[in-house]
């Protein structure tokens, strides 16, 4: 298997500067190819819709999808071998076992076989806790119909690819500048507290501004500097262990510039619960969502066709 010199960098997913702000142009050309597989034909006379017979994607399409998701080239033989591994995982009827085995395989294929990533099978559909190295996934009701279970397994597959893309983003950001990433995570947490009606941070900030004769923005910057310099606010202990021995990127290289973008987006990140529109526009999420069509196409290849 040929591996790019920067094998941990998924250059197959379009970078932020390559995505046009217009909605129509927000999908890369390769993705547009992957989307129309099960499209319907409209017959103008009588407005009748005729659905194409469901078909599995060709092996070369799956080969491209693996490359786009995992960021390295696969031969056709390697593609078949890897697809067979995912097929065997799919046939686990117990979804907790399915999730555990799928996590193990994705972890290896993303390059984290020996990395201490904790899998939490809980009530969270999908979440990546980069501070503690935890991946959260939700199980399914074991008594569901085969068709429903099939769809749930597909959603889990797509979700876990999405979340492991966030793991990759964390690695790239860390290898660009741990110091700046730590500041971005502190800023992100502080902004979340300011917007939390149950947190005292906003009241404390206003008090600080009054007592020191500062504007709210000046007070906020001063408070952030205090947090940046506080040992108690260090948020990279897990990443130090996971990525600390990896070579740092050289300034102004492609991977370095990508990492700077990830760091900036971490600082601006808001949760879906806080503001869904802003969450969805954040490039960390935008990029992770771009993997969905590729993951769905792989899943379609490795599983039975449900009509």
Protein backbone atom coordinates (compact mmCIF):
# COMPACT_ATOMS: atom_id res chain seq x y z
CA UNK A 1 0.00 0.00 0.00
CA UNK A 2 1.41 3.35 -1.00
CA UNK A 3 1.20 5.95 1.77
CA UNK A 4 1.67 9.65 1.19
CA UNK A 5 4.57 11.28 3.08
CA UNK A 6 1.97 13.12 5.12
CA UNK A 7 -0.24 10.07 5.56
CA UNK A 8 -2.13 11.59 8.49
CA UNK A 9 -3.35 14.50 6.35
CA UNK A 10 -6.52 13.91 4.40
CA UNK A 11 -5.84 16.06 1.37
CA UNK A 12 -8.64 14.30 -0.52
CA UNK A 13 -11.25 16.34 1.37
CA UNK A 14 -11.47 19.88 -0.13
CA UNK A 15 -9.83 22.60 1.95
CA UNK A 16 -11.84 25.60 3.16
CA UNK A 17 -10.46 27.96 0.52
CA UNK A 18 -11.56 25.53 -2.20
CA UNK A 19 -15.23 25.72 -1.21
CA UNK A 20 -17.29 28.49 -2.77
CA UNK A 21 -19.62 30.28 -0.39
CA UNK A 22 -22.58 29.75 -2.69
CA UNK A 23 -24.75 26.81 -1.68
CA UNK A 24 -24.73 25.29 -5.16
CA UNK A 25 -20.93 25.23 -5.20
CA UNK A 26 -20.54 23.96 -1.65
CA UNK A 27 -20.06 20.37 -2.84
CA UNK A 28 -16.87 19.24 -4.50
CA UNK A 29 -16.99 17.67 -7.96
CA UNK A 30 -16.11 14.16 -6.70
CA UNK A 31 -18.91 14.43 -4.17
CA UNK A 32 -21.41 15.40 -6.87
CA UNK A 33 -20.52 12.21 -8.70
CA UNK A 34 -21.20 10.15 -5.57
CA UNK A 35 -24.53 11.75 -4.82
CA UNK A 36 -26.72 10.79 -7.78
CA UNK A 37 -26.43 7.01 -7.47
CA UNK A 38 -30.05 6.41 -6.51
CA UNK A 39 -31.56 9.38 -8.33
CA UNK A 40 -35.06 9.24 -9.83
CA UNK A 41 -36.11 9.96 -13.42
CA UNK A 42 -39.03 12.33 -13.90
CA UNK A 43 -41.29 11.51 -16.86
CA UNK A 44 -42.84 14.79 -17.88
CA UNK A 45 -46.04 13.34 -19.34
CA UNK A 46 -48.23 12.57 -16.34
CA UNK A 47 -45.47 13.63 -13.90
CA UNK A 48 -44.65 10.00 -13.10
CA UNK A 49 -41.48 9.22 -11.14
CA UNK A 50 -39.60 6.06 -12.13
CA UNK A 51 -36.94 5.01 -9.62
CA UNK A 52 -33.79 3.39 -10.85
CA UNK A 53 -33.25 -0.11 -9.59
CA UNK A 54 -31.04 0.02 -6.50
CA UNK A 55 -27.48 -0.86 -7.46
CA UNK A 56 -24.30 -1.31 -5.53
CA UNK A 57 -21.44 1.06 -6.42
CA UNK A 58 -18.58 -0.26 -8.50
CA UNK A 59 -15.42 -1.35 -6.68
CA UNK A 60 -13.41 1.52 -8.18
CA UNK A 61 -15.85 4.00 -6.62
CA UNK A 62 -15.31 2.38 -3.22
CA UNK A 63 -11.56 2.58 -3.87
CA UNK A 64 -11.91 6.36 -4.38
CA UNK A 65 -14.10 6.67 -1.28
CA UNK A 66 -11.58 4.89 0.95
CA UNK A 67 -8.85 7.18 -0.41
CA UNK A 68 -10.88 10.31 0.24
CA UNK A 69 -11.78 9.31 3.79
CA UNK A 70 -8.47 7.84 4.95
CA UNK A 71 -6.16 10.13 2.96
CA UNK A 72 -4.03 7.51 1.19
CA UNK A 73 -4.13 5.44 -1.98
CA UNK A 74 -5.58 1.92 -2.14
CA UNK A 75 -5.10 -0.72 -4.84
CA UNK A 76 -8.20 -2.62 -5.97
CA UNK A 77 -7.04 -5.71 -4.05
CA UNK A 78 -6.53 -3.64 -0.90
CA UNK A 79 -9.97 -2.10 -1.43
CA UNK A 80 -11.62 -5.53 -1.66
CA UNK A 81 -9.78 -6.78 1.42
CA UNK A 82 -10.78 -3.72 3.46
CA UNK A 83 -14.39 -3.85 2.24
CA UNK A 84 -14.55 -7.51 3.31
CA UNK A 85 -13.47 -6.51 6.83
CA UNK A 86 -16.29 -3.97 7.03
CA UNK A 87 -18.76 -6.53 5.62
CA UNK A 88 -17.94 -8.92 8.46
CA UNK A 89 -18.41 -6.12 11.00
CA UNK A 90 -21.81 -5.23 9.52
CA UNK A 91 -23.19 -8.72 10.18
CA UNK A 92 -22.96 -8.25 13.97
CA UNK A 93 -26.62 -8.08 15.02
CA UNK A 94 -25.78 -6.72 18.46
CA UNK A 95 -25.22 -3.02 17.83
CA UNK A 96 -22.91 -2.56 20.81
CA UNK A 97 -20.64 -5.24 19.32
CA UNK A 98 -21.05 -3.65 15.88
CA UNK A 99 -20.00 -0.26 17.23
CA UNK A 100 -17.04 -1.72 19.13
CA UNK A 101 -15.74 -3.66 16.11
CA UNK A 102 -16.37 -0.75 13.76
CA UNK A 103 -14.50 1.60 16.09
CA UNK A 104 -11.55 -0.79 16.19
CA UNK A 105 -11.37 -0.97 12.38
CA UNK A 106 -11.86 2.77 11.77
CA UNK A 107 -9.32 3.59 14.45
CA UNK A 108 -6.75 1.47 12.63
CA UNK A 109 -7.62 2.76 9.15
CA UNK A 110 -7.39 6.40 10.27
CA UNK A 111 -3.93 5.67 11.66
CA UNK A 112 -4.69 5.49 15.40
CA UNK A 113 -4.38 1.76 16.10
CA UNK A 114 -2.08 2.32 19.09
CA UNK A 115 -3.64 5.60 20.26
CA UNK A 116 -5.60 5.67 23.50
CA UNK A 117 -9.01 6.72 22.20
CA UNK A 118 -11.82 5.78 24.58
CA UNK A 119 -15.10 4.58 23.06
CA UNK A 120 -18.23 5.54 25.03
CA UNK A 121 -21.42 3.80 23.87
CA UNK A 122 -24.04 6.06 25.42
CA UNK A 123 -26.98 8.26 24.51
CA UNK A 124 -24.97 10.65 22.33
CA UNK A 125 -25.49 10.13 18.59
CA UNK A 126 -21.92 11.17 17.88
CA UNK A 127 -19.38 13.41 19.58
CA UNK A 128 -15.60 13.79 19.78
CA UNK A 129 -14.20 14.97 23.12
CA UNK A 130 -10.75 16.15 22.03
CA UNK A 131 -9.67 17.19 25.53
CA UNK A 132 -10.12 13.71 26.99
CA UNK A 133 -9.79 11.58 23.84
CA UNK A 134 -13.30 10.13 24.02
CA UNK A 135 -15.56 9.12 21.13
CA UNK A 136 -19.28 8.99 21.97
CA UNK A 137 -21.76 6.87 19.97
CA UNK A 138 -25.33 5.78 20.72
CA UNK A 139 -26.56 2.15 20.59
CA UNK A 140 -29.84 0.97 19.01
CA UNK A 141 -32.83 -1.01 20.18
CA UNK A 142 -31.95 -4.65 19.50
CA UNK A 143 -35.59 -5.51 18.75
CA UNK A 144 -35.91 -3.26 15.73
CA UNK A 145 -36.82 -4.61 12.30
CA UNK A 146 -33.93 -5.57 10.00
CA UNK A 147 -34.58 -2.61 7.73
CA UNK A 148 -34.56 -0.16 10.66
CA UNK A 149 -31.45 -1.80 12.12
CA UNK A 150 -29.77 -1.54 8.70
CA UNK A 151 -30.46 2.20 8.55
CA UNK A 152 -29.24 2.67 12.09
CA UNK A 153 -26.01 0.81 11.31
CA UNK A 154 -25.55 3.07 8.29
CA UNK A 155 -26.07 6.17 10.44
CA UNK A 156 -23.53 4.86 12.96
CA UNK A 157 -21.01 4.17 10.20
CA UNK A 158 -21.42 7.65 8.72
CA UNK A 159 -21.31 9.25 12.19
CA UNK A 160 -18.14 7.44 13.24
CA UNK A 161 -16.36 8.41 10.01
CA UNK A 162 -17.46 11.99 10.75
CA UNK A 163 -16.11 11.85 14.31
CA UNK A 164 -12.80 10.25 13.31
CA UNK A 165 -12.40 13.10 10.82
CA UNK A 166 -12.53 15.37 13.88
CA UNK A 167 -9.80 13.25 15.49
CA UNK A 168 -7.67 13.84 12.40
CA UNK A 169 -8.37 17.58 12.56
CA UNK A 170 -7.25 17.60 16.20
CA UNK A 171 -4.00 15.89 15.29
CA UNK A 172 -3.26 18.30 12.44
CA UNK A 173 -4.00 21.34 14.64
CA UNK A 174 -1.78 19.97 17.40
CA UNK A 175 1.11 19.24 15.04
CA UNK A 176 0.84 22.80 13.71
CA UNK A 177 0.99 24.63 17.07
CA UNK A 178 0.05 23.05 20.41
CA UNK A 179 0.32 26.42 22.14
CA UNK A 180 -2.11 28.16 19.81
CA UNK A 181 -4.48 25.20 19.87
CA UNK A 182 -4.57 25.30 23.66
CA UNK A 183 -5.44 29.00 23.54
CA UNK A 184 -8.20 28.30 20.99
CA UNK A 185 -9.73 25.62 23.23
CA UNK A 186 -9.58 27.92 26.26
CA UNK A 187 -11.26 30.68 24.24
CA UNK A 188 -13.91 28.26 23.00
CA UNK A 189 -14.73 27.12 26.53
CA UNK A 190 -14.76 30.67 27.87
CA UNK A 191 -17.14 31.88 25.14
CA UNK A 192 -19.43 28.92 25.86
CA UNK A 193 -19.51 29.91 29.53
CA UNK A 194 -20.28 33.53 28.64
CA UNK A 195 -23.29 32.36 26.64
CA UNK A 196 -24.48 29.98 29.36
CA UNK A 197 -27.23 31.64 31.40
CA UNK A 198 -26.33 29.47 34.41
CA UNK A 199 -22.66 30.46 34.37
CA UNK A 200 -21.40 33.41 36.49
CA UNK A 201 -18.79 34.36 33.85
CA UNK A 202 -20.80 37.14 32.23
CA UNK A 203 -21.53 38.79 35.55
CA UNK A 204 -17.87 38.49 36.59
CA UNK A 205 -16.76 40.02 33.27
CA UNK A 206 -19.09 43.00 33.69
CA UNK A 207 -17.83 43.50 37.26
CA UNK A 208 -14.21 43.39 36.07
CA UNK A 209 -14.95 45.99 33.37
CA UNK A 210 -16.58 48.36 35.88
CA UNK A 211 -13.90 48.06 38.54
CA UNK A 212 -10.98 48.47 36.12
CA UNK A 213 -12.66 51.02 33.88
CA UNK A 214 -12.46 48.77 30.81
CA UNK A 215 -14.80 48.08 27.94
CA UNK A 216 -16.34 44.60 27.92
CA UNK A 217 -14.08 43.63 25.02
CA UNK A 218 -10.97 44.87 26.84
CA UNK A 219 -12.00 43.02 29.98
CA UNK A 220 -12.62 39.87 27.98
CA UNK A 221 -9.17 40.02 26.38
CA UNK A 222 -7.54 40.58 29.76
CA UNK A 223 -9.46 37.65 31.26
CA UNK A 224 -8.46 35.40 28.38
CA UNK A 225 -4.79 36.29 28.88
CA UNK A 226 -5.12 35.26 32.52
CA UNK A 227 -6.65 31.94 31.48
CA UNK A 228 -3.99 31.36 28.81
CA UNK A 229 -1.30 31.63 31.48
CA UNK A 230 -3.08 29.46 34.05
CA UNK A 231 -1.68 25.92 34.47
CA UNK A 232 -5.17 24.81 35.48
CA UNK A 233 -6.48 25.68 32.03
CA UNK A 234 -4.09 23.45 30.08
CA UNK A 235 -6.26 21.29 27.78
CA UNK A 236 -3.79 19.21 25.79
CA UNK A 237 -2.76 16.45 28.19
CA UNK A 238 -4.43 13.74 26.15
CA UNK A 239 -3.09 15.15 22.86
CA UNK A 240 0.42 15.37 24.31
CA UNK A 241 0.25 11.63 24.87
CA UNK A 242 -1.48 10.83 21.57
CA UNK A 243 0.34 13.17 19.18
CA UNK A 244 3.35 14.45 21.14
CA UNK A 245 5.86 12.15 19.44
CA UNK A 246 4.71 13.09 15.92
CA UNK A 247 6.80 15.46 13.86
CA UNK A 248 5.58 19.06 13.86
CA UNK A 249 4.71 20.67 10.53
CA UNK A 250 7.01 23.20 8.92
CA UNK A 251 5.62 26.75 8.65
CA UNK A 252 3.74 27.65 5.47
CA UNK A 253 3.48 24.09 4.20
CA UNK A 254 0.04 22.90 3.07
CA UNK A 255 -0.55 20.85 6.21
CA UNK A 256 0.64 23.75 8.42
CA UNK A 257 -1.79 26.18 6.80
CA UNK A 258 -4.58 23.64 7.16
CA UNK A 259 -3.69 23.29 10.84
CA UNK A 260 -3.85 27.07 11.36
CA UNK A 261 -7.34 27.02 9.89
CA UNK A 262 -8.39 24.25 12.28
CA UNK A 263 -6.99 26.19 15.23
CA UNK A 264 -8.90 29.33 14.21
CA UNK A 265 -12.12 27.35 13.78
CA UNK A 266 -11.67 25.72 17.20
CA UNK A 267 -11.57 29.18 18.76
CA UNK A 268 -14.83 30.16 17.02
CA UNK A 269 -16.61 26.85 17.56
CA UNK A 270 -20.11 26.82 19.07
CA UNK A 271 -22.18 23.73 19.79
CA UNK A 272 -25.28 22.80 17.83
CA UNK A 273 -27.32 23.41 20.99
CA UNK A 274 -26.00 26.96 21.30
CA UNK A 275 -26.45 28.03 17.69
CA UNK A 276 -27.06 25.39 15.03
CA UNK A 277 -26.49 27.74 12.08
CA UNK A 278 -23.08 28.84 13.40
CA UNK A 279 -22.17 25.25 14.33
CA UNK A 280 -22.98 24.05 10.83
CA UNK A 281 -20.95 26.85 9.18
CA UNK A 282 -17.82 26.09 11.21
CA UNK A 283 -15.22 24.55 8.90
CA UNK A 284 -14.46 21.71 11.32
CA UNK A 285 -18.05 20.53 10.90
CA UNK A 286 -18.30 21.49 7.23
CA UNK A 287 -15.32 19.31 6.39
CA UNK A 288 -16.49 16.38 8.53
CA UNK A 289 -19.93 16.46 6.89
CA UNK A 290 -18.28 16.28 3.47
CA UNK A 291 -17.29 12.69 4.23
CA UNK A 292 -20.92 11.53 4.48
CA UNK A 293 -21.54 10.72 0.78
CA UNK A 294 -18.31 8.70 0.63
CA UNK A 295 -19.17 6.79 3.80
CA UNK A 296 -22.70 6.07 2.56
CA UNK A 297 -21.37 4.76 -0.74
CA UNK A 298 -18.97 2.40 1.06
CA UNK A 299 -21.81 1.24 3.31
CA UNK A 300 -23.98 0.60 0.26
CA UNK A 301 -21.25 -1.61 -1.21
CA UNK A 302 -20.66 -3.73 1.92
CA UNK A 303 -24.32 -4.33 2.84
CA UNK A 304 -27.45 -6.00 1.39
CA UNK A 305 -29.82 -3.91 -0.73
CA UNK A 306 -33.06 -3.10 1.09
CA UNK A 307 -35.87 -2.09 -1.23
